[in-house]
Protein backbone atom coordinates (compact mmCIF):
# COMPACT_ATOMS: atom_id res chain seq x y z
CA MET A 1 29.08 -3.13 -4.54
CA SER A 2 27.34 -6.42 -5.25
CA ALA A 3 28.03 -10.16 -4.82
CA SER A 4 31.46 -11.78 -4.90
CA ALA A 5 30.19 -15.32 -5.55
CA ILE A 6 26.94 -17.25 -5.96
CA PHE A 7 26.38 -20.75 -4.53
CA VAL A 8 23.56 -23.27 -4.87
CA LEU A 9 23.48 -25.73 -1.95
CA ASP A 10 21.34 -28.72 -1.03
CA LEU A 11 19.61 -29.01 2.35
CA LYS A 12 22.74 -30.54 3.92
CA GLY A 13 24.94 -27.65 2.80
CA LYS A 14 26.67 -29.51 -0.03
CA VAL A 15 27.65 -27.21 -2.90
CA LEU A 16 25.84 -28.27 -6.08
CA ILE A 17 27.12 -25.45 -8.25
CA CYS A 18 28.92 -22.13 -7.72
CA ARG A 19 30.35 -19.19 -9.63
CA ASN A 20 33.17 -16.91 -8.45
CA TYR A 21 32.72 -13.45 -9.97
CA LYS A 22 35.34 -11.29 -8.24
CA GLY A 23 37.87 -13.59 -6.57
CA ASP A 24 38.06 -11.47 -3.41
CA VAL A 25 36.38 -14.06 -1.14
CA ASP A 26 37.80 -17.53 -0.52
CA MET A 27 35.35 -20.07 -1.96
CA SER A 28 35.89 -22.32 1.09
CA GLU A 29 34.07 -19.73 3.22
CA ILE A 30 30.81 -21.36 2.16
CA ASP A 31 31.66 -24.22 4.55
CA HIS A 32 30.73 -21.89 7.42
CA PHE A 33 27.25 -21.16 6.06
CA MET A 34 25.38 -24.27 7.24
CA PRO A 35 26.84 -24.26 10.80
CA LEU A 36 25.90 -20.57 11.07
CA LEU A 37 22.40 -21.32 9.82
CA MET A 38 21.89 -24.16 12.31
CA GLN A 39 23.25 -22.03 15.15
CA HIS A 40 20.87 -19.17 14.35
CA GLU A 41 17.93 -21.59 14.09
CA GLU A 42 18.69 -23.08 17.51
CA GLU A 43 18.92 -19.62 19.05
CA GLY A 44 15.74 -18.47 17.34
CA LEU A 45 17.63 -15.59 15.72
CA LEU A 46 17.42 -16.61 12.08
CA CYS A 47 18.14 -13.61 9.85
CA PRO A 48 18.59 -13.09 6.08
CA VAL A 49 22.19 -11.87 6.41
CA MET A 50 24.78 -13.84 8.41
CA SER A 51 28.46 -13.08 8.90
CA HIS A 52 31.62 -15.08 9.55
CA GLY A 53 34.64 -12.86 10.08
CA ASN A 54 34.52 -10.24 7.34
CA VAL A 55 32.47 -12.43 4.97
CA HIS A 56 28.71 -11.91 4.74
CA PHE A 57 26.19 -14.51 3.54
CA MET A 58 22.91 -13.40 1.94
CA TRP A 59 20.62 -16.34 1.27
CA ILE A 60 17.16 -17.55 0.33
CA LYS A 61 15.59 -21.01 0.43
CA HIS A 62 13.63 -22.43 -2.49
CA SER A 63 12.22 -25.96 -2.44
CA ASN A 64 15.14 -28.19 -1.31
CA LEU A 65 17.84 -25.67 -2.22
CA TYR A 66 19.69 -22.76 -0.64
CA LEU A 67 20.82 -19.94 -2.93
CA VAL A 68 23.65 -18.02 -1.26
CA ALA A 69 25.58 -14.89 -2.24
CA THR A 70 28.85 -13.99 -0.47
CA THR A 71 30.59 -10.64 -0.16
CA ASN A 72 33.21 -8.95 2.02
CA LYS A 73 32.13 -5.41 1.17
CA ASN A 74 29.28 -3.15 2.23
CA SER A 75 27.09 -4.42 -0.62
CA ASN A 76 23.63 -3.35 -1.69
CA ALA A 77 21.63 -6.09 0.05
CA SER A 78 18.34 -5.28 -1.70
CA LEU A 79 20.05 -5.60 -5.09
CA VAL A 80 21.55 -8.96 -4.15
CA TYR A 81 18.23 -10.32 -2.89
CA ALA A 82 16.41 -9.09 -5.99
CA PHE A 83 19.02 -10.96 -8.04
CA LEU A 84 18.63 -14.18 -6.03
CA TYR A 85 14.87 -14.17 -6.54
CA LYS A 86 15.37 -13.38 -10.22
CA LEU A 87 17.75 -16.34 -10.38
CA VAL A 88 14.97 -18.59 -9.10
CA GLU A 89 12.57 -17.15 -11.68
CA VAL A 90 14.98 -17.71 -14.59
CA PHE A 91 15.88 -21.25 -13.52
CA THR A 92 12.18 -22.07 -13.18
CA GLU A 93 11.54 -20.74 -16.69
CA TYR A 94 14.22 -23.08 -18.02
CA PHE A 95 13.64 -26.22 -15.95
CA LYS A 96 9.93 -25.86 -14.95
CA GLU A 97 10.76 -27.11 -11.45
CA LEU A 98 13.77 -25.75 -9.56
CA GLU A 99 15.10 -28.42 -7.26
CA GLU A 100 18.29 -30.38 -6.60
CA GLU A 101 17.70 -32.85 -9.43
CA SER A 102 17.09 -30.15 -12.05
CA ILE A 103 20.37 -28.42 -11.11
CA GLN A 104 22.33 -31.68 -11.36
CA ASP A 105 20.75 -32.63 -14.69
CA ASN A 106 21.36 -29.23 -16.28
CA PHE A 107 24.63 -28.02 -14.74
CA VAL A 108 26.08 -26.93 -18.11
CA VAL A 109 23.10 -24.67 -18.80
CA VAL A 110 23.19 -23.39 -15.20
CA TYR A 111 26.85 -22.36 -15.59
CA GLU A 112 26.09 -20.55 -18.83
CA LEU A 113 23.16 -18.76 -17.22
CA LEU A 114 25.30 -17.68 -14.25
CA ASP A 115 27.85 -16.26 -16.70
CA GLU A 116 25.20 -14.19 -18.50
CA LEU A 117 23.11 -13.16 -15.49
CA MET A 118 25.96 -11.51 -13.60
CA ASP A 119 29.29 -9.93 -14.53
CA PHE A 120 31.94 -9.05 -11.93
CA GLY A 121 29.27 -9.24 -9.24
CA PHE A 122 26.72 -6.97 -10.94
CA PRO A 123 23.45 -8.17 -12.53
CA GLN A 124 23.42 -7.99 -16.33
CA THR A 125 20.88 -9.72 -18.58
CA THR A 126 18.13 -11.11 -16.34
CA ASP A 127 15.23 -11.37 -18.81
CA SER A 128 14.56 -15.06 -19.43
CA LYS A 129 13.06 -14.36 -22.87
CA ILE A 130 16.31 -12.74 -24.03
CA LEU A 131 18.47 -15.45 -22.43
CA GLN A 132 16.50 -18.18 -24.19
CA GLU A 133 17.53 -16.74 -27.55
CA TYR A 134 21.15 -17.78 -27.13
CA ILE A 135 21.22 -20.19 -24.17
CA THR A 136 19.21 -23.32 -24.88
CA GLN A 137 19.08 -26.83 -23.50
CA GLU A 138 19.96 -28.33 -26.87
CA GLY A 139 23.66 -28.38 -27.79
CA ALA A 140 23.14 -28.13 -31.56
CA LYS A 141 21.02 -25.02 -31.26
CA LEU A 142 23.45 -23.54 -28.78
CA GLU A 143 26.35 -23.57 -31.27
CA VAL A 144 24.31 -21.73 -33.90
CA ALA A 145 22.87 -19.23 -31.46
CA LYS A 146 26.30 -18.26 -30.13
CA SER A 147 27.58 -17.32 -33.58
CA LYS A 148 25.87 -13.91 -33.43
CA VAL A 149 24.79 -11.45 -30.78
CA PRO A 150 21.00 -11.37 -30.29
CA THR A 151 19.48 -8.15 -31.56
CA THR A 152 17.54 -7.76 -28.32
CA VAL A 153 20.76 -7.02 -26.44
CA THR A 154 21.32 -3.79 -28.38
CA ASN A 155 17.74 -2.97 -29.43
CA ALA A 156 15.78 -0.03 -28.06
CA VAL A 157 13.04 -2.62 -27.42
CA SER A 158 15.27 -5.05 -25.55
CA TRP A 159 12.43 -7.31 -24.43
CA ARG A 160 11.26 -8.29 -27.95
CA SER A 161 13.09 -9.53 -31.05
CA GLU A 162 12.41 -8.25 -34.53
CA GLY A 163 11.12 -10.49 -37.30
CA ILE A 164 8.77 -12.59 -35.16
CA LYS A 165 6.12 -14.30 -37.30
CA TYR A 166 3.04 -16.34 -36.43
CA LYS A 167 0.53 -17.98 -38.75
CA LYS A 168 -2.20 -17.26 -36.22
CA ASN A 169 -2.06 -14.07 -34.15
CA GLU A 170 -3.47 -14.35 -30.64
CA VAL A 171 -3.32 -12.61 -27.28
CA PHE A 172 -4.50 -14.07 -23.97
CA ILE A 173 -4.94 -12.29 -20.65
CA ASP A 174 -4.66 -13.96 -17.23
CA VAL A 175 -5.57 -12.26 -13.97
CA ILE A 176 -3.96 -13.74 -10.85
CA GLU A 177 -5.08 -12.46 -7.46
CA SER A 178 -4.07 -13.14 -3.85
CA ILE A 179 -6.81 -12.16 -1.42
CA ASN A 180 -6.09 -11.64 2.28
CA VAL A 181 -9.10 -11.60 4.60
CA LEU A 182 -9.08 -11.32 8.40
CA VAL A 183 -12.23 -12.70 10.07
CA ASN A 184 -13.06 -12.63 13.78
CA ALA A 185 -14.61 -15.45 15.81
CA ASN A 186 -18.12 -14.17 15.04
CA GLY A 187 -17.55 -14.49 11.30
CA SER A 188 -17.26 -10.76 10.62
CA VAL A 189 -14.67 -9.61 8.09
CA MET A 190 -12.19 -7.37 9.92
CA SER A 191 -10.03 -6.41 6.93
CA SER A 192 -9.48 -7.54 3.37
CA ASP A 193 -7.48 -6.62 0.30
CA ILE A 194 -6.59 -8.08 -3.09
CA VAL A 195 -3.08 -8.27 -4.51
CA GLY A 196 -3.20 -9.17 -8.19
CA SER A 197 -1.30 -9.24 -11.44
CA ILE A 198 -2.20 -9.23 -15.13
CA LYS A 199 -0.26 -11.68 -17.28
CA LEU A 200 -0.12 -11.89 -21.05
CA LYS A 201 0.47 -14.72 -23.45
CA THR A 202 1.31 -12.95 -26.71
CA MET A 203 1.62 -14.68 -30.06
CA LEU A 204 1.76 -11.74 -32.47
CA SER A 205 3.90 -11.08 -35.53
CA GLY A 206 6.10 -8.04 -35.99
CA MET A 207 6.20 -5.17 -33.49
CA PRO A 208 2.57 -4.74 -32.38
CA GLU A 209 1.59 -1.77 -30.23
CA LEU A 210 -1.09 -2.60 -27.68
CA ARG A 211 -3.20 -0.29 -25.56
CA LEU A 212 -5.16 -1.69 -22.67
CA GLY A 213 -7.81 0.14 -20.67
CA LEU A 214 -9.14 -1.06 -17.31
CA ASN A 215 -12.14 0.08 -15.31
CA ASP A 216 -9.77 2.25 -13.29
CA ARG A 217 -11.58 4.77 -11.08
CA VAL A 218 -9.00 7.48 -11.76
CA LEU A 219 -9.31 6.97 -15.54
CA PHE A 220 -13.11 7.17 -15.43
CA GLY A 221 -12.86 10.31 -13.32
CA LEU A 222 -10.55 11.98 -15.84
CA THR A 223 -12.91 11.20 -18.72
CA GLY A 224 -16.09 12.16 -16.83
CA ARG A 225 -17.63 8.69 -17.01
CA ASP A 226 -19.72 6.96 -14.34
CA LYS A 227 -17.56 5.52 -11.54
CA GLY A 228 -20.16 2.96 -10.46
CA LYS A 229 -18.39 -0.18 -11.70
CA THR A 230 -14.78 0.88 -11.25
CA VAL A 231 -11.92 -0.28 -9.02
CA MET A 232 -9.30 1.79 -7.22
CA MET A 233 -5.90 0.26 -7.92
CA GLU A 234 -2.99 1.04 -5.60
CA ASP A 235 0.71 0.16 -5.58
CA VAL A 236 0.68 -0.39 -9.35
CA LYS A 237 3.89 -1.87 -10.80
CA PHE A 238 4.47 -2.32 -14.54
CA HIS A 239 6.67 -4.40 -16.83
CA GLN A 240 9.45 -2.37 -18.46
CA CYS A 241 7.56 -2.45 -21.79
CA VAL A 242 4.82 -0.10 -20.50
CA ARG A 243 5.18 3.59 -21.35
CA LEU A 244 4.98 5.16 -17.89
CA SER A 245 4.64 8.73 -19.16
CA ARG A 246 1.50 7.76 -21.07
CA PHE A 247 0.00 6.08 -18.01
CA GLU A 248 0.73 9.08 -15.80
CA SER A 249 -0.91 11.47 -18.26
CA ASP A 250 -4.13 9.64 -19.20
CA ARG A 251 -3.98 6.25 -17.35
CA THR A 252 -3.65 4.37 -20.65
CA ILE A 253 -1.51 1.22 -20.53
CA SER A 254 0.42 1.46 -23.82
CA PHE A 255 3.16 -1.05 -24.66
CA ILE A 256 4.94 -3.28 -27.16
CA PRO A 257 4.55 -6.70 -25.49
CA PRO A 258 7.28 -9.30 -24.99
CA ASP A 259 6.82 -12.44 -27.04
CA GLY A 260 5.26 -15.34 -25.19
CA GLU A 261 4.30 -15.21 -21.52
CA SER A 262 5.01 -12.17 -19.34
CA GLU A 263 3.61 -10.24 -16.39
CA LEU A 264 2.27 -6.91 -17.60
CA MET A 265 1.48 -5.35 -14.23
CA SER A 266 0.72 -5.95 -10.57
CA TYR A 267 -1.62 -4.02 -8.29
CA ARG A 268 -3.44 -3.93 -4.96
CA ILE A 269 -7.14 -3.26 -4.34
CA ASN A 270 -8.68 -2.51 -0.95
CA THR A 271 -12.16 -3.99 -1.01
CA HIS A 272 -14.57 -6.04 1.09
CA VAL A 273 -14.35 -9.78 0.36
CA LYS A 274 -16.52 -12.43 1.97
CA PRO A 275 -15.39 -16.07 2.34
CA LEU A 276 -16.70 -18.14 -0.57
CA ILE A 277 -16.50 -21.44 1.30
CA TRP A 278 -17.24 -21.28 5.01
CA ILE A 279 -15.54 -23.87 7.20
CA GLU A 280 -16.48 -24.88 10.74
CA SER A 281 -14.45 -27.44 12.65
CA VAL A 282 -15.06 -29.10 16.02
CA ILE A 283 -12.48 -31.31 17.72
CA GLU A 284 -13.50 -33.52 20.63
CA LYS A 285 -10.80 -35.34 22.58
CA PHE A 286 -11.46 -38.29 24.87
CA SER A 287 -8.78 -38.87 27.49
CA HIS A 288 -6.48 -41.86 26.98
CA SER A 289 -8.30 -43.05 23.88
CA ARG A 290 -9.30 -41.10 20.82
CA VAL A 291 -10.02 -37.81 19.06
CA GLU A 292 -13.02 -37.05 16.86
CA ILE A 293 -13.08 -34.25 14.28
CA MET A 294 -16.14 -32.81 12.56
CA VAL A 295 -15.69 -30.43 9.61
CA LYS A 296 -18.58 -28.62 7.94
CA ALA A 297 -18.10 -26.84 4.60
CA LYS A 298 -20.72 -24.51 3.11
CA GLY A 299 -20.60 -22.78 -0.26
CA GLN A 300 -21.34 -19.06 0.07
CA PHE A 301 -21.42 -18.29 -3.64
CA LYS A 302 -24.36 -18.20 -6.07
CA LYS A 303 -26.23 -21.43 -6.72
CA GLN A 304 -25.60 -21.23 -10.46
CA SER A 305 -21.86 -21.65 -9.86
CA VAL A 306 -20.08 -24.88 -8.98
CA ALA A 307 -16.72 -25.23 -7.25
CA ASN A 308 -14.67 -28.02 -8.79
CA ASN A 309 -11.81 -30.10 -7.37
CA VAL A 310 -12.38 -28.93 -3.80
CA GLU A 311 -9.63 -30.03 -1.43
CA VAL A 312 -9.99 -29.48 2.34
CA ARG A 313 -6.85 -30.13 4.40
CA VAL A 314 -7.48 -30.64 8.11
CA PRO A 315 -4.50 -30.86 10.52
CA VAL A 316 -4.55 -33.70 13.07
CA PRO A 317 -2.35 -34.56 16.09
CA SER A 318 1.07 -35.93 15.20
CA ASP A 319 0.55 -39.09 17.30
CA ALA A 320 -2.86 -39.96 15.82
CA ASP A 321 -3.42 -43.47 14.44
CA SER A 322 -6.18 -45.87 13.33
CA PRO A 323 -8.07 -43.37 11.12
CA LYS A 324 -11.75 -43.83 10.28
CA PHE A 325 -13.79 -41.46 8.09
CA LYS A 326 -17.40 -40.72 7.21
CA THR A 327 -18.32 -38.10 4.60
CA SER A 328 -21.63 -36.85 3.19
CA THR A 329 -19.88 -36.49 -0.17
CA GLY A 330 -16.41 -36.97 -1.61
CA ASN A 331 -13.54 -38.99 -0.16
CA ALA A 332 -11.22 -38.50 2.82
CA LYS A 333 -7.77 -39.94 3.37
CA TYR A 334 -5.09 -39.68 6.05
CA VAL A 335 -1.64 -38.35 5.09
CA PRO A 336 0.55 -39.30 8.10
CA GLU A 337 3.78 -37.71 6.81
CA LYS A 338 2.05 -34.30 6.85
CA ASN A 339 -0.28 -34.92 9.82
CA LEU A 340 -3.28 -34.09 7.64
CA VAL A 341 -6.67 -35.38 6.62
CA VAL A 342 -7.35 -34.52 2.97
CA TRP A 343 -11.04 -34.31 2.08
CA THR A 344 -11.67 -34.09 -1.67
CA ILE A 345 -14.96 -33.11 -3.31
CA LYS A 346 -15.14 -33.25 -7.09
CA SER A 347 -18.16 -30.94 -7.43
CA PHE A 348 -19.39 -28.44 -4.80
CA PRO A 349 -22.54 -26.47 -5.85
CA GLY A 350 -23.12 -23.01 -4.42
CA GLY A 351 -25.36 -22.88 -1.34
CA LYS A 352 -24.77 -26.55 -0.47
CA GLU A 353 -23.38 -27.86 2.82
CA PHE A 354 -21.34 -31.01 3.40
CA LEU A 355 -19.95 -32.80 6.47
CA MET A 356 -16.88 -34.90 7.16
CA ARG A 357 -16.25 -36.83 10.38
CA ALA A 358 -12.90 -38.34 11.30
CA HIS A 359 -12.02 -40.67 14.17
CA PHE A 360 -8.43 -41.26 15.35
CA GLY A 361 -6.90 -43.29 18.13
CA LEU A 362 -4.46 -41.56 20.52
CA PRO A 363 -1.83 -43.09 22.83
CA SER A 364 -2.68 -40.60 25.60
CA VAL A 365 -3.92 -37.05 26.02
CA GLU A 366 -3.93 -36.93 29.81
CA ASN A 367 -0.98 -34.54 30.14
CA GLU A 368 -1.34 -32.72 26.85
CA GLU A 369 0.46 -29.43 26.50
CA ALA A 370 -0.85 -26.36 24.76
CA GLU A 371 -0.38 -27.20 21.10
CA SER A 372 -0.46 -24.95 18.09
CA LYS A 373 -3.56 -25.04 15.93
CA PRO A 374 -2.47 -25.08 12.28
CA PRO A 375 -4.96 -23.59 9.83
CA ILE A 376 -7.39 -25.58 7.73
CA THR A 377 -6.71 -25.03 4.04
CA VAL A 378 -9.27 -25.18 1.26
CA LYS A 379 -8.48 -25.13 -2.44
CA PHE A 380 -11.05 -25.08 -5.23
CA GLU A 381 -11.88 -23.85 -8.73
CA ILE A 382 -14.96 -21.92 -9.88
CA PRO A 383 -15.43 -21.43 -13.64
CA TYR A 384 -16.43 -17.96 -14.89
CA PHE A 385 -16.02 -16.31 -11.50
CA THR A 386 -14.05 -13.28 -10.32
CA VAL A 387 -13.83 -11.37 -7.05
CA SER A 388 -12.16 -8.00 -7.60
CA GLY A 389 -14.44 -6.80 -10.40
CA ILE A 390 -11.53 -5.64 -12.56
CA GLN A 391 -12.52 -5.30 -16.23
CA VAL A 392 -10.71 -4.83 -19.52
CA CYS A 393 -12.76 -2.02 -21.09
CA TRP A 394 -10.90 -1.78 -24.40
CA PHE A 395 -7.93 -3.43 -26.06
CA PRO A 396 -7.19 -2.11 -29.58
CA LEU A 397 -4.21 -3.52 -31.47
CA THR A 398 -2.07 -1.84 -34.12
CA SER A 399 1.14 -2.89 -35.86
CA LYS A 400 4.06 -1.18 -37.52
CA ASN A 401 3.94 -3.96 -40.08
CA PRO A 402 0.30 -4.21 -41.30
CA SER A 403 0.91 -7.44 -43.15
CA SER A 404 1.81 -9.17 -39.89
CA VAL A 405 -1.80 -9.06 -38.63
CA THR A 406 -3.82 -10.69 -41.36
CA LYS A 407 -6.91 -12.16 -39.80
CA LEU A 408 -9.95 -10.84 -37.99
CA GLN A 409 -10.69 -13.22 -35.18
CA SER A 410 -12.73 -13.24 -32.00
CA LYS A 411 -11.39 -15.38 -29.20
CA HIS A 412 -13.06 -16.40 -25.95
CA LEU A 413 -10.89 -17.81 -23.19
CA TYR A 414 -13.04 -19.65 -20.67
CA GLY A 415 -10.94 -19.93 -17.56
CA LYS A 416 -11.12 -20.96 -13.98
CA SER A 417 -10.53 -19.45 -10.60
CA CYS A 418 -8.66 -21.19 -7.84
CA ILE A 419 -8.93 -19.83 -4.32
CA LEU A 420 -6.79 -21.10 -1.49
CA PHE A 421 -8.07 -20.33 2.00
CA LEU A 422 -5.83 -20.59 5.02
CA LEU A 423 -8.45 -20.45 7.71
CA PHE A 424 -8.99 -21.19 11.35
CA MET A 425 -12.73 -20.75 11.81
CA HIS A 426 -14.89 -21.58 14.82
CA TYR A 427 -12.22 -24.09 15.74
CA LYS A 428 -13.52 -25.62 19.00
CA VAL A 429 -11.75 -28.09 21.23
CA LEU A 430 -14.10 -30.06 23.47
CA SER A 431 -12.57 -31.96 26.36
CA GLY A 432 -14.81 -32.57 29.35
CA THR A 433 -16.41 -29.23 30.23
CA ARG A 434 -13.78 -27.08 28.44
CA GLU A 435 -14.64 -25.27 25.23
CA ALA A 436 -12.32 -22.83 23.48
CA SER A 437 -13.10 -20.80 20.37
CA TYR A 438 -10.50 -19.19 18.15
CA SER A 439 -10.73 -16.37 15.61
CA ALA A 440 -10.48 -17.01 11.89
CA TYR A 441 -7.69 -15.99 9.55
CA TYR A 442 -8.00 -16.34 5.79
CA THR A 443 -5.37 -16.14 3.09
CA MET A 444 -6.90 -16.74 -0.32
CA ASN A 445 -4.92 -17.08 -3.51
CA LYS A 446 -7.27 -16.62 -6.44
CA VAL A 447 -6.10 -17.63 -9.88
CA GLN A 448 -8.45 -16.29 -12.54
CA HIS A 449 -7.83 -17.17 -16.15
CA SER A 450 -10.13 -14.41 -17.29
CA GLN A 451 -12.74 -14.69 -19.98
CA ALA A 452 -12.09 -11.95 -22.48
CA PHE A 453 -13.10 -11.07 -26.03
CA PHE A 454 -10.18 -10.30 -28.32
CA VAL A 455 -10.30 -8.79 -31.81
CA LEU A 456 -7.21 -9.05 -34.01
CA LEU A 457 -7.55 -6.45 -36.73
CA ASP A 458 -7.23 -7.15 -40.43
CA LEU A 459 -5.38 -3.98 -41.39
CA THR A 460 -5.25 -4.93 -45.07
CA LYS A 461 -8.98 -4.28 -45.57
CA PRO A 462 -11.08 -1.24 -44.63
CA LYS A 463 -13.31 -1.54 -41.57
CA THR A 464 -15.95 0.63 -39.99
CA PRO A 465 -14.06 3.57 -38.44
CA VAL A 466 -14.53 3.67 -34.69
CA GLY A 467 -12.11 5.36 -32.28
CA ASP A 468 -8.72 6.92 -32.85
CA ASN A 469 -7.21 3.89 -34.59
CA GLY A 470 -9.79 4.05 -37.40
CA TYR A 471 -11.02 0.47 -36.98
CA HIS A 472 -13.83 -1.26 -35.16
CA VAL A 473 -12.15 -3.09 -32.31
CA GLY A 474 -15.00 -4.18 -30.05
CA SER A 475 -14.96 -4.24 -26.27
CA TYR A 476 -13.40 -6.53 -23.69
CA GLN A 477 -15.07 -7.71 -20.53
CA LEU A 478 -13.70 -10.03 -17.88
CA CYS A 479 -16.17 -12.60 -16.68
């Protein structure tokens, strides 16, 4: 069994919108959700499933909203949670930002989406690309779209409509990676791995068939090629468009892509990763008066590269006041509502080192208790830079409708990488003769809009035969 009803609440527990799918649970039961949540928070026993009588609440929090599913049966909890997260994804696709205001401004569209996403408590059409064909934010288009059933609902290729046409055919690849690195107090990397995904932006006419080859170690082993510059991908997960049988047989990623933006696959790579920006922080507290913070940032990447839009966020005591700053480069400002100092550097060359000193007044630190040490966060962008070493080795394109691909074109996408470190490195607190050192923990989210070389074949004219598709297609290399 699945959900009986879906609710969207604000942070105070007020119902913004709801949908009753089965009618077997009283809708007023949602009034017990917020008291239960507050009770569990006070007891330190917060859990994803809460119960009141024979009614169970499964919930997630997103931004300033709670999304809650209710049921009085022994439901499939994993299915319900997958649906709630999919709900967030679909709403975000429609409204760009999912928050209280976007729900209130688009309640008609939200109701229509809830009707299509779930039927009698079971998930139905959850692909946002399909939903956007007949549920739009413009009333005039909505009336026309509802007059016929979208072909994607009954198609064998349910994720792509027929008859799509573009004047200019293009494909773009994005690689998004989250890198987790554990570093000890001596600066040695204890463990590291990369969790990434490959996303497509497809603007192709007709029903194109794409085949994508990566520098996968298993693939190179099967074909007898050198494994020197390969990666070992684990926990691979594909979009429904990928032919799994083909991948299992020869590790070829073969698919008819959805139109527009989509996530083709996700993966994990176990590899050694060193911190690209090293942070050292020293805090010195003077009793009854002030606290001084020194932060040193050093670029540990090649000198030819430059990190842009660097943002270092340094946590400070909640009772700090009278801020004063001195930086060797960039600007620093105090954000009191978040208890942070934000140090921004527009351009950070590799191998360089910069300092920031901050001075704050304190009411008193004589009887200070052991306080938590939040991590320092660093966010920056490096053009033409990647960490995992994943490469697109080949990317031929064919089409069932040759006239749909009419132009030979090479396309270079020069992207950027954005790495977010959550780190706590050489964090020393100096007070009198005391000195404490803490180990470092990194969480890096790396967004790499990869540089790739794409060839869109002109199938109406003969080309130099190369490979099994009979056309010269070139090669594809991530930067």
